[in-house]
Amino acid sequence: ALERDLVLSERNITVKEYEALLRF
């Protein structure tokens, strides 16, 4: 999603922690 989505790929977004995303 971060690399291929036309909207998100235009932004500088990094994921530092994954636990909450995976848990939710």
mmCIF file of all heavy atoms, coordinates in Angstrom:
data_MODEL
# 
_entry.id   MODEL 
# 
loop_
_atom_site.group_PDB 
_atom_site.id 
_atom_site.type_symbol 
_atom_site.label_atom_id 
_atom_site.label_alt_id 
_atom_site.label_comp_id 
_atom_site.label_asym_id 
_atom_site.label_entity_id 
_atom_site.label_seq_id 
_atom_site.pdbx_PDB_ins_code 
_atom_site.Cartn_x 
_atom_site.Cartn_y 
_atom_site.Cartn_z 
_atom_site.occupancy 
_atom_site.B_iso_or_equiv 
_atom_site.pdbx_formal_charge 
_atom_site.auth_seq_id 
_atom_site.auth_comp_id 
_atom_site.auth_asym_id 
_atom_site.auth_atom_id 
_atom_site.pdbx_PDB_model_num 
ATOM 1   N N   . ALA A 1 1  ? 0.827  -1.216 0.000  1.00 0.00 ? 1  ALA A N   1 
ATOM 2   C CA  . ALA A 1 1  ? 0.000  0.000  0.000  1.00 0.00 ? 1  ALA A CA  1 
ATOM 3   C C   . ALA A 1 1  ? 0.855  1.258  0.000  1.00 0.00 ? 1  ALA A C   1 
ATOM 4   O O   . ALA A 1 1  ? 0.591  2.220  -0.745 1.00 0.00 ? 1  ALA A O   1 
ATOM 5   C CB  . ALA A 1 1  ? -0.930 -0.016 1.208  1.00 0.00 ? 1  ALA A CB  1 
ATOM 6   N N   . LEU A 1 2  ? 1.893  1.277  0.831  1.00 0.00 ? 2  LEU A N   1 
ATOM 7   C CA  . LEU A 1 2  ? 2.736  2.476  0.933  1.00 0.00 ? 2  LEU A CA  1 
ATOM 8   C C   . LEU A 1 2  ? 3.544  2.720  -0.340 1.00 0.00 ? 2  LEU A C   1 
ATOM 9   O O   . LEU A 1 2  ? 3.845  3.871  -0.683 1.00 0.00 ? 2  LEU A O   1 
ATOM 10  C CB  . LEU A 1 2  ? 3.681  2.338  2.123  1.00 0.00 ? 2  LEU A CB  1 
ATOM 11  C CG  . LEU A 1 2  ? 3.010  2.316  3.518  1.00 0.00 ? 2  LEU A CG  1 
ATOM 12  C CD1 . LEU A 1 2  ? 4.037  2.047  4.601  1.00 0.00 ? 2  LEU A CD1 1 
ATOM 13  C CD2 . LEU A 1 2  ? 2.274  3.623  3.784  1.00 0.00 ? 2  LEU A CD2 1 
ATOM 14  N N   . GLU A 1 3  ? 3.877  1.649  -1.042 1.00 0.00 ? 3  GLU A N   1 
ATOM 15  C CA  . GLU A 1 3  ? 4.740  1.792  -2.224 1.00 0.00 ? 3  GLU A CA  1 
ATOM 16  C C   . GLU A 1 3  ? 3.955  1.972  -3.520 1.00 0.00 ? 3  GLU A C   1 
ATOM 17  O O   . GLU A 1 3  ? 4.420  2.650  -4.434 1.00 0.00 ? 3  GLU A O   1 
ATOM 18  C CB  . GLU A 1 3  ? 5.639  0.551  -2.344 1.00 0.00 ? 3  GLU A CB  1 
ATOM 19  C CG  . GLU A 1 3  ? 6.656  0.424  -1.215 1.00 0.00 ? 3  GLU A CG  1 
ATOM 20  C CD  . GLU A 1 3  ? 7.310  -0.947 -1.182 1.00 0.00 ? 3  GLU A CD  1 
ATOM 21  O OE1 . GLU A 1 3  ? 7.035  -1.754 -2.110 1.00 0.00 ? 3  GLU A OE1 1 
ATOM 22  O OE2 . GLU A 1 3  ? 8.065  -1.227 -0.240 1.00 0.00 ? 3  GLU A OE2 1 
ATOM 23  N N   . ARG A 1 4  ? 2.738  1.385  -3.612 1.00 0.00 ? 4  ARG A N   1 
ATOM 24  C CA  . ARG A 1 4  ? 2.053  1.349  -4.901 1.00 0.00 ? 4  ARG A CA  1 
ATOM 25  C C   . ARG A 1 4  ? 0.807  2.233  -4.986 1.00 0.00 ? 4  ARG A C   1 
ATOM 26  O O   . ARG A 1 4  ? 0.361  2.559  -6.083 1.00 0.00 ? 4  ARG A O   1 
ATOM 27  C CB  . ARG A 1 4  ? 1.672  -0.093 -5.246 1.00 0.00 ? 4  ARG A CB  1 
ATOM 28  C CG  . ARG A 1 4  ? 2.855  -1.019 -5.416 1.00 0.00 ? 4  ARG A CG  1 
ATOM 29  C CD  . ARG A 1 4  ? 2.434  -2.279 -6.131 1.00 0.00 ? 4  ARG A CD  1 
ATOM 30  N NE  . ARG A 1 4  ? 3.512  -3.235 -6.226 1.00 0.00 ? 4  ARG A NE  1 
ATOM 31  C CZ  . ARG A 1 4  ? 3.424  -4.402 -6.867 1.00 0.00 ? 4  ARG A CZ  1 
ATOM 32  N NH1 . ARG A 1 4  ? 2.291  -4.729 -7.470 1.00 0.00 ? 4  ARG A NH1 1 
ATOM 33  N NH2 . ARG A 1 4  ? 4.446  -5.230 -6.905 1.00 0.00 ? 4  ARG A NH2 1 
ATOM 34  N N   . ASP A 1 5  ? 0.224  2.568  -3.847 1.00 0.00 ? 5  ASP A N   1 
ATOM 35  C CA  . ASP A 1 5  ? -0.959 3.421  -3.918 1.00 0.00 ? 5  ASP A CA  1 
ATOM 36  C C   . ASP A 1 5  ? -0.568 4.804  -4.430 1.00 0.00 ? 5  ASP A C   1 
ATOM 37  O O   . ASP A 1 5  ? 0.425  5.388  -3.979 1.00 0.00 ? 5  ASP A O   1 
ATOM 38  C CB  . ASP A 1 5  ? -1.622 3.526  -2.545 1.00 0.00 ? 5  ASP A CB  1 
ATOM 39  C CG  . ASP A 1 5  ? -2.834 4.439  -2.575 1.00 0.00 ? 5  ASP A CG  1 
ATOM 40  O OD1 . ASP A 1 5  ? -3.812 4.098  -3.276 1.00 0.00 ? 5  ASP A OD1 1 
ATOM 41  O OD2 . ASP A 1 5  ? -2.785 5.492  -1.925 1.00 0.00 ? 5  ASP A OD2 1 
ATOM 42  N N   . LEU A 1 6  ? -1.346 5.322  -5.358 1.00 0.00 ? 6  LEU A N   1 
ATOM 43  C CA  . LEU A 1 6  ? -1.007 6.593  -6.001 1.00 0.00 ? 6  LEU A CA  1 
ATOM 44  C C   . LEU A 1 6  ? -0.962 7.747  -5.009 1.00 0.00 ? 6  LEU A C   1 
ATOM 45  O O   . LEU A 1 6  ? -0.199 8.705  -5.191 1.00 0.00 ? 6  LEU A O   1 
ATOM 46  C CB  . LEU A 1 6  ? -2.023 6.900  -7.106 1.00 0.00 ? 6  LEU A CB  1 
ATOM 47  C CG  . LEU A 1 6  ? -2.001 5.956  -8.313 1.00 0.00 ? 6  LEU A CG  1 
ATOM 48  C CD1 . LEU A 1 6  ? -3.096 6.314  -9.298 1.00 0.00 ? 6  LEU A CD1 1 
ATOM 49  C CD2 . LEU A 1 6  ? -0.628 5.989  -8.985 1.00 0.00 ? 6  LEU A CD2 1 
ATOM 50  N N   . VAL A 1 7  ? -1.771 7.679  -3.961 1.00 0.00 ? 7  VAL A N   1 
ATOM 51  C CA  . VAL A 1 7  ? -1.815 8.764  -2.974 1.00 0.00 ? 7  VAL A CA  1 
ATOM 52  C C   . VAL A 1 7  ? -0.701 8.602  -1.950 1.00 0.00 ? 7  VAL A C   1 
ATOM 53  O O   . VAL A 1 7  ? 0.096  9.519  -1.698 1.00 0.00 ? 7  VAL A O   1 
ATOM 54  C CB  . VAL A 1 7  ? -3.192 8.805  -2.269 1.00 0.00 ? 7  VAL A CB  1 
ATOM 55  C CG1 . VAL A 1 7  ? -3.205 9.882  -1.179 1.00 0.00 ? 7  VAL A CG1 1 
ATOM 56  C CG2 . VAL A 1 7  ? -4.304 9.047  -3.279 1.00 0.00 ? 7  VAL A CG2 1 
ATOM 57  N N   . LEU A 1 8  ? -0.621 7.423  -1.327 1.00 0.00 ? 8  LEU A N   1 
ATOM 58  C CA  . LEU A 1 8  ? 0.349  7.216  -0.242 1.00 0.00 ? 8  LEU A CA  1 
ATOM 59  C C   . LEU A 1 8  ? 1.784  7.216  -0.749 1.00 0.00 ? 8  LEU A C   1 
ATOM 60  O O   . LEU A 1 8  ? 2.700  7.633  -0.021 1.00 0.00 ? 8  LEU A O   1 
ATOM 61  C CB  . LEU A 1 8  ? 0.037  5.898  0.482  1.00 0.00 ? 8  LEU A CB  1 
ATOM 62  C CG  . LEU A 1 8  ? -1.313 5.813  1.193  1.00 0.00 ? 8  LEU A CG  1 
ATOM 63  C CD1 . LEU A 1 8  ? -1.426 4.503  1.957  1.00 0.00 ? 8  LEU A CD1 1 
ATOM 64  C CD2 . LEU A 1 8  ? -1.520 6.992  2.151  1.00 0.00 ? 8  LEU A CD2 1 
ATOM 65  N N   . SER A 1 9  ? 1.995  6.734  -1.964 1.00 0.00 ? 9  SER A N   1 
ATOM 66  C CA  . SER A 1 9  ? 3.367  6.676  -2.487 1.00 0.00 ? 9  SER A CA  1 
ATOM 67  C C   . SER A 1 9  ? 3.952  8.063  -2.726 1.00 0.00 ? 9  SER A C   1 
ATOM 68  O O   . SER A 1 9  ? 5.180  8.224  -2.821 1.00 0.00 ? 9  SER A O   1 
ATOM 69  C CB  . SER A 1 9  ? 3.399  5.865  -3.780 1.00 0.00 ? 9  SER A CB  1 
ATOM 70  O OG  . SER A 1 9  ? 2.596  6.478  -4.774 1.00 0.00 ? 9  SER A OG  1 
ATOM 71  N N   . GLU A 1 10 ? 3.091  9.083  -2.807 1.00 0.00 ? 10 GLU A N   1 
ATOM 72  C CA  . GLU A 1 10 ? 3.562  10.464 -2.988 1.00 0.00 ? 10 GLU A CA  1 
ATOM 73  C C   . GLU A 1 10 ? 4.020  11.092 -1.684 1.00 0.00 ? 10 GLU A C   1 
ATOM 74  O O   . GLU A 1 10 ? 4.642  12.150 -1.684 1.00 0.00 ? 10 GLU A O   1 
ATOM 75  C CB  . GLU A 1 10 ? 2.440  11.316 -3.601 1.00 0.00 ? 10 GLU A CB  1 
ATOM 76  C CG  . GLU A 1 10 ? 2.064  10.933 -5.022 1.00 0.00 ? 10 GLU A CG  1 
ATOM 77  C CD  . GLU A 1 10 ? 3.210  11.180 -5.990 1.00 0.00 ? 10 GLU A CD  1 
ATOM 78  O OE1 . GLU A 1 10 ? 3.863  12.238 -5.866 1.00 0.00 ? 10 GLU A OE1 1 
ATOM 79  O OE2 . GLU A 1 10 ? 3.465  10.312 -6.847 1.00 0.00 ? 10 GLU A OE2 1 
ATOM 80  N N   . ARG A 1 11 ? 3.678  10.432 -0.582 1.00 0.00 ? 11 ARG A N   1 
ATOM 81  C CA  . ARG A 1 11 ? 4.050  10.982 0.734  1.00 0.00 ? 11 ARG A CA  1 
ATOM 82  C C   . ARG A 1 11 ? 5.250  10.237 1.304  1.00 0.00 ? 11 ARG A C   1 
ATOM 83  O O   . ARG A 1 11 ? 5.558  9.102  0.906  1.00 0.00 ? 11 ARG A O   1 
ATOM 84  C CB  . ARG A 1 11 ? 2.861  10.872 1.698  1.00 0.00 ? 11 ARG A CB  1 
ATOM 85  C CG  . ARG A 1 11 ? 1.660  11.692 1.275  1.00 0.00 ? 11 ARG A CG  1 
ATOM 86  C CD  . ARG A 1 11 ? 0.514  11.540 2.248  1.00 0.00 ? 11 ARG A CD  1 
ATOM 87  N NE  . ARG A 1 11 ? 0.896  11.914 3.616  1.00 0.00 ? 11 ARG A NE  1 
ATOM 88  C CZ  . ARG A 1 11 ? 0.072  11.802 4.671  1.00 0.00 ? 11 ARG A CZ  1 
ATOM 89  N NH1 . ARG A 1 11 ? -1.160 11.350 4.494  1.00 0.00 ? 11 ARG A NH1 1 
ATOM 90  N NH2 . ARG A 1 11 ? 0.492  12.168 5.854  1.00 0.00 ? 11 ARG A NH2 1 
ATOM 91  N N   . ASN A 1 12 ? 5.899  10.850 2.264  1.00 0.00 ? 12 ASN A N   1 
ATOM 92  C CA  . ASN A 1 12 ? 7.052  10.240 2.937  1.00 0.00 ? 12 ASN A CA  1 
ATOM 93  C C   . ASN A 1 12 ? 6.560  9.595  4.234  1.00 0.00 ? 12 ASN A C   1 
ATOM 94  O O   . ASN A 1 12 ? 6.565  10.221 5.299  1.00 0.00 ? 12 ASN A O   1 
ATOM 95  C CB  . ASN A 1 12 ? 8.115  11.307 3.209  1.00 0.00 ? 12 ASN A CB  1 
ATOM 96  C CG  . ASN A 1 12 ? 9.371  10.717 3.824  1.00 0.00 ? 12 ASN A CG  1 
ATOM 97  O OD1 . ASN A 1 12 ? 9.527  9.498  3.909  1.00 0.00 ? 12 ASN A OD1 1 
ATOM 98  N ND2 . ASN A 1 12 ? 10.277 11.588 4.258  1.00 0.00 ? 12 ASN A ND2 1 
ATOM 99  N N   . ILE A 1 13 ? 6.111  8.343  4.131  1.00 0.00 ? 13 ILE A N   1 
ATOM 100 C CA  . ILE A 1 13 ? 5.531  7.636  5.274  1.00 0.00 ? 13 ILE A CA  1 
ATOM 101 C C   . ILE A 1 13 ? 6.402  6.429  5.604  1.00 0.00 ? 13 ILE A C   1 
ATOM 102 O O   . ILE A 1 13 ? 6.730  5.621  4.725  1.00 0.00 ? 13 ILE A O   1 
ATOM 103 C CB  . ILE A 1 13 ? 4.096  7.160  4.973  1.00 0.00 ? 13 ILE A CB  1 
ATOM 104 C CG1 . ILE A 1 13 ? 3.194  8.346  4.622  1.00 0.00 ? 13 ILE A CG1 1 
ATOM 105 C CG2 . ILE A 1 13 ? 3.527  6.393  6.165  1.00 0.00 ? 13 ILE A CG2 1 
ATOM 106 C CD1 . ILE A 1 13 ? 1.807  7.944  4.154  1.00 0.00 ? 13 ILE A CD1 1 
ATOM 107 N N   . THR A 1 14 ? 6.787  6.321  6.864  1.00 0.00 ? 14 THR A N   1 
ATOM 108 C CA  . THR A 1 14 ? 7.547  5.155  7.321  1.00 0.00 ? 14 THR A CA  1 
ATOM 109 C C   . THR A 1 14 ? 6.835  4.522  8.508  1.00 0.00 ? 14 THR A C   1 
ATOM 110 O O   . THR A 1 14 ? 6.133  5.204  9.272  1.00 0.00 ? 14 THR A O   1 
ATOM 111 C CB  . THR A 1 14 ? 8.979  5.546  7.735  1.00 0.00 ? 14 THR A CB  1 
ATOM 112 O OG1 . THR A 1 14 ? 8.907  6.559  8.758  1.00 0.00 ? 14 THR A OG1 1 
ATOM 113 C CG2 . THR A 1 14 ? 9.767  6.069  6.550  1.00 0.00 ? 14 THR A CG2 1 
ATOM 114 N N   . VAL A 1 15 ? 7.023  3.237  8.641  1.00 0.00 ? 15 VAL A N   1 
ATOM 115 C CA  . VAL A 1 15 ? 6.420  2.504  9.756  1.00 0.00 ? 15 VAL A CA  1 
ATOM 116 C C   . VAL A 1 15 ? 7.516  2.138  10.733 1.00 0.00 ? 15 VAL A C   1 
ATOM 117 O O   . VAL A 1 15 ? 8.429  1.364  10.419 1.00 0.00 ? 15 VAL A O   1 
ATOM 118 C CB  . VAL A 1 15 ? 5.694  1.229  9.261  1.00 0.00 ? 15 VAL A CB  1 
ATOM 119 C CG1 . VAL A 1 15 ? 4.982  0.558  10.436 1.00 0.00 ? 15 VAL A CG1 1 
ATOM 120 C CG2 . VAL A 1 15 ? 4.701  1.559  8.156  1.00 0.00 ? 15 VAL A CG2 1 
ATOM 121 N N   . LYS A 1 16 ? 7.431  2.707  11.928 1.00 0.00 ? 16 LYS A N   1 
ATOM 122 C CA  . LYS A 1 16 ? 8.439  2.432  12.952 1.00 0.00 ? 16 LYS A CA  1 
ATOM 123 C C   . LYS A 1 16 ? 8.043  1.238  13.810 1.00 0.00 ? 16 LYS A C   1 
ATOM 124 O O   . LYS A 1 16 ? 8.902  0.432  14.211 1.00 0.00 ? 16 LYS A O   1 
ATOM 125 C CB  . LYS A 1 16 ? 8.622  3.674  13.829 1.00 0.00 ? 16 LYS A CB  1 
ATOM 126 C CG  . LYS A 1 16 ? 9.702  3.521  14.900 1.00 0.00 ? 16 LYS A CG  1 
ATOM 127 C CD  . LYS A 1 16 ? 9.851  4.798  15.718 1.00 0.00 ? 16 LYS A CD  1 
ATOM 128 C CE  . LYS A 1 16 ? 10.915 4.631  16.791 1.00 0.00 ? 16 LYS A CE  1 
ATOM 129 N NZ  . LYS A 1 16 ? 11.064 5.866  17.616 1.00 0.00 ? 16 LYS A NZ  1 
ATOM 130 N N   . GLU A 1 17 ? 6.739  1.111  14.101 1.00 0.00 ? 17 GLU A N   1 
ATOM 131 C CA  . GLU A 1 17 ? 6.246  0.014  14.950 1.00 0.00 ? 17 GLU A CA  1 
ATOM 132 C C   . GLU A 1 17 ? 5.011  -0.615 14.292 1.00 0.00 ? 17 GLU A C   1 
ATOM 133 O O   . GLU A 1 17 ? 4.152  0.089  13.763 1.00 0.00 ? 17 GLU A O   1 
ATOM 134 C CB  . GLU A 1 17 ? 5.898  0.530  16.349 1.00 0.00 ? 17 GLU A CB  1 
ATOM 135 C CG  . GLU A 1 17 ? 7.116  1.063  17.100 1.00 0.00 ? 17 GLU A CG  1 
ATOM 136 C CD  . GLU A 1 17 ? 6.728  1.815  18.374 1.00 0.00 ? 17 GLU A CD  1 
ATOM 137 O OE1 . GLU A 1 17 ? 5.665  2.466  18.371 1.00 0.00 ? 17 GLU A OE1 1 
ATOM 138 O OE2 . GLU A 1 17 ? 7.491  1.736  19.349 1.00 0.00 ? 17 GLU A OE2 1 
ATOM 139 N N   . TYR A 1 18 ? 4.961  -1.940 14.365 1.00 0.00 ? 18 TYR A N   1 
ATOM 140 C CA  . TYR A 1 18 ? 3.917  -2.677 13.647 1.00 0.00 ? 18 TYR A CA  1 
ATOM 141 C C   . TYR A 1 18 ? 2.870  -3.315 14.565 1.00 0.00 ? 18 TYR A C   1 
ATOM 142 O O   . TYR A 1 18 ? 1.803  -3.730 14.103 1.00 0.00 ? 18 TYR A O   1 
ATOM 143 C CB  . TYR A 1 18 ? 4.552  -3.796 12.815 1.00 0.00 ? 18 TYR A CB  1 
ATOM 144 C CG  . TYR A 1 18 ? 5.442  -3.308 11.703 1.00 0.00 ? 18 TYR A CG  1 
ATOM 145 C CD1 . TYR A 1 18 ? 6.810  -3.112 11.908 1.00 0.00 ? 18 TYR A CD1 1 
ATOM 146 C CD2 . TYR A 1 18 ? 4.927  -3.051 10.441 1.00 0.00 ? 18 TYR A CD2 1 
ATOM 147 C CE1 . TYR A 1 18 ? 7.633  -2.673 10.886 1.00 0.00 ? 18 TYR A CE1 1 
ATOM 148 C CE2 . TYR A 1 18 ? 5.742  -2.610 9.405  1.00 0.00 ? 18 TYR A CE2 1 
ATOM 149 C CZ  . TYR A 1 18 ? 7.090  -2.423 9.634  1.00 0.00 ? 18 TYR A CZ  1 
ATOM 150 O OH  . TYR A 1 18 ? 7.893  -1.996 8.616  1.00 0.00 ? 18 TYR A OH  1 
ATOM 151 N N   . GLU A 1 19 ? 3.168  -3.434 15.847 1.00 0.00 ? 19 GLU A N   1 
ATOM 152 C CA  . GLU A 1 19 ? 2.321  -4.236 16.734 1.00 0.00 ? 19 GLU A CA  1 
ATOM 153 C C   . GLU A 1 19 ? 0.859  -3.777 16.733 1.00 0.00 ? 19 GLU A C   1 
ATOM 154 O O   . GLU A 1 19 ? -0.059 -4.588 16.611 1.00 0.00 ? 19 GLU A O   1 
ATOM 155 C CB  . GLU A 1 19 ? 2.868  -4.215 18.164 1.00 0.00 ? 19 GLU A CB  1 
ATOM 156 C CG  . GLU A 1 19 ? 2.037  -5.071 19.122 1.00 0.00 ? 19 GLU A CG  1 
ATOM 157 C CD  . GLU A 1 19 ? 2.527  -4.982 20.559 1.00 0.00 ? 19 GLU A CD  1 
ATOM 158 O OE1 . GLU A 1 19 ? 3.652  -4.480 20.794 1.00 0.00 ? 19 GLU A OE1 1 
ATOM 159 O OE2 . GLU A 1 19 ? 1.773  -5.415 21.448 1.00 0.00 ? 19 GLU A OE2 1 
ATOM 160 N N   . ALA A 1 20 ? 0.626  -2.495 16.879 1.00 0.00 ? 20 ALA A N   1 
ATOM 161 C CA  . ALA A 1 20 ? -0.749 -1.992 16.965 1.00 0.00 ? 20 ALA A CA  1 
ATOM 162 C C   . ALA A 1 20 ? -1.499 -2.215 15.652 1.00 0.00 ? 20 ALA A C   1 
ATOM 163 O O   . ALA A 1 20 ? -2.667 -2.621 15.655 1.00 0.00 ? 20 ALA A O   1 
ATOM 164 C CB  . ALA A 1 20 ? -0.751 -0.510 17.327 1.00 0.00 ? 20 ALA A CB  1 
ATOM 165 N N   . LEU A 1 21 ? -0.835 -1.961 14.538 1.00 0.00 ? 21 LEU A N   1 
ATOM 166 C CA  . LEU A 1 21 ? -1.485 -2.181 13.241 1.00 0.00 ? 21 LEU A CA  1 
ATOM 167 C C   . LEU A 1 21 ? -1.910 -3.631 13.071 1.00 0.00 ? 21 LEU A C   1 
ATOM 168 O O   . LEU A 1 21 ? -3.028 -3.922 12.640 1.00 0.00 ? 21 LEU A O   1 
ATOM 169 C CB  . LEU A 1 21 ? -0.526 -1.794 12.108 1.00 0.00 ? 21 LEU A CB  1 
ATOM 170 C CG  . LEU A 1 21 ? -0.426 -0.306 11.752 1.00 0.00 ? 21 LEU A CG  1 
ATOM 171 C CD1 . LEU A 1 21 ? 0.771  -0.064 10.831 1.00 0.00 ? 21 LEU A CD1 1 
ATOM 172 C CD2 . LEU A 1 21 ? -1.709 0.180  11.096 1.00 0.00 ? 21 LEU A CD2 1 
ATOM 173 N N   . LEU A 1 22 ? -1.021 -4.546 13.437 1.00 0.00 ? 22 LEU A N   1 
ATOM 174 C CA  . LEU A 1 22 ? -1.330 -5.964 13.287 1.00 0.00 ? 22 LEU A CA  1 
ATOM 175 C C   . LEU A 1 22 ? -2.406 -6.397 14.271 1.00 0.00 ? 22 LEU A C   1 
ATOM 176 O O   . LEU A 1 22 ? -3.306 -7.182 13.933 1.00 0.00 ? 22 LEU A O   1 
ATOM 177 C CB  . LEU A 1 22 ? -0.059 -6.797 13.490 1.00 0.00 ? 22 LEU A CB  1 
ATOM 178 C CG  . LEU A 1 22 ? 1.060  -6.573 12.459 1.00 0.00 ? 22 LEU A CG  1 
ATOM 179 C CD1 . LEU A 1 22 ? 2.296  -7.374 12.834 1.00 0.00 ? 22 LEU A CD1 1 
ATOM 180 C CD2 . LEU A 1 22 ? 0.587  -6.945 11.066 1.00 0.00 ? 22 LEU A CD2 1 
ATOM 181 N N   . ARG A 1 23 ? -2.327 -5.871 15.488 1.00 0.00 ? 23 ARG A N   1 
ATOM 182 C CA  . ARG A 1 23 ? -3.296 -6.268 16.513 1.00 0.00 ? 23 ARG A CA  1 
ATOM 183 C C   . ARG A 1 23 ? -4.689 -5.769 16.175 1.00 0.00 ? 23 ARG A C   1 
ATOM 184 O O   . ARG A 1 23 ? -5.682 -6.502 16.269 1.00 0.00 ? 23 ARG A O   1 
ATOM 185 C CB  . ARG A 1 23 ? -2.860 -5.730 17.870 1.00 0.00 ? 23 ARG A CB  1 
ATOM 186 C CG  . ARG A 1 23 ? -3.848 -6.037 18.997 1.00 0.00 ? 23 ARG A CG  1 
ATOM 187 C CD  . ARG A 1 23 ? -3.262 -5.682 20.352 1.00 0.00 ? 23 ARG A CD  1 
ATOM 188 N NE  . ARG A 1 23 ? -4.288 -5.843 21.379 1.00 0.00 ? 23 ARG A NE  1 
ATOM 189 C CZ  . ARG A 1 23 ? -4.792 -4.847 22.077 1.00 0.00 ? 23 ARG A CZ  1 
ATOM 190 N NH1 . ARG A 1 23 ? -4.393 -3.613 21.864 1.00 0.00 ? 23 ARG A NH1 1 
ATOM 191 N NH2 . ARG A 1 23 ? -5.713 -5.066 22.995 1.00 0.00 ? 23 ARG A NH2 1 
ATOM 192 N N   . PHE A 1 24 ? -4.794 -4.528 15.762 1.00 0.00 ? 24 PHE A N   1 
ATOM 193 C CA  . PHE A 1 24 ? -6.101 -3.958 15.453 1.00 0.00 ? 24 PHE A CA  1 
ATOM 194 C C   . PHE A 1 24 ? -6.722 -4.590 14.208 1.00 0.00 ? 24 PHE A C   1 
ATOM 195 O O   . PHE A 1 24 ? -7.928 -4.690 14.093 1.00 0.00 ? 24 PHE A O   1 
ATOM 196 C CB  . PHE A 1 24 ? -6.004 -2.442 15.262 1.00 0.00 ? 24 PHE A CB  1 
ATOM 197 C CG  . PHE A 1 24 ? -6.045 -1.660 16.531 1.00 0.00 ? 24 PHE A CG  1 
ATOM 198 C CD1 . PHE A 1 24 ? -4.950 -1.614 17.377 1.00 0.00 ? 24 PHE A CD1 1 
ATOM 199 C CD2 . PHE A 1 24 ? -7.174 -0.961 16.902 1.00 0.00 ? 24 PHE A CD2 1 
ATOM 200 C CE1 . PHE A 1 24 ? -4.977 -0.893 18.556 1.00 0.00 ? 24 PHE A CE1 1 
ATOM 201 C CE2 . PHE A 1 24 ? -7.214 -0.228 18.082 1.00 0.00 ? 24 PHE A CE2 1 
ATOM 202 C CZ  . PHE A 1 24 ? -6.113 -0.198 18.912 1.00 0.00 ? 24 PHE A CZ  1 
# 
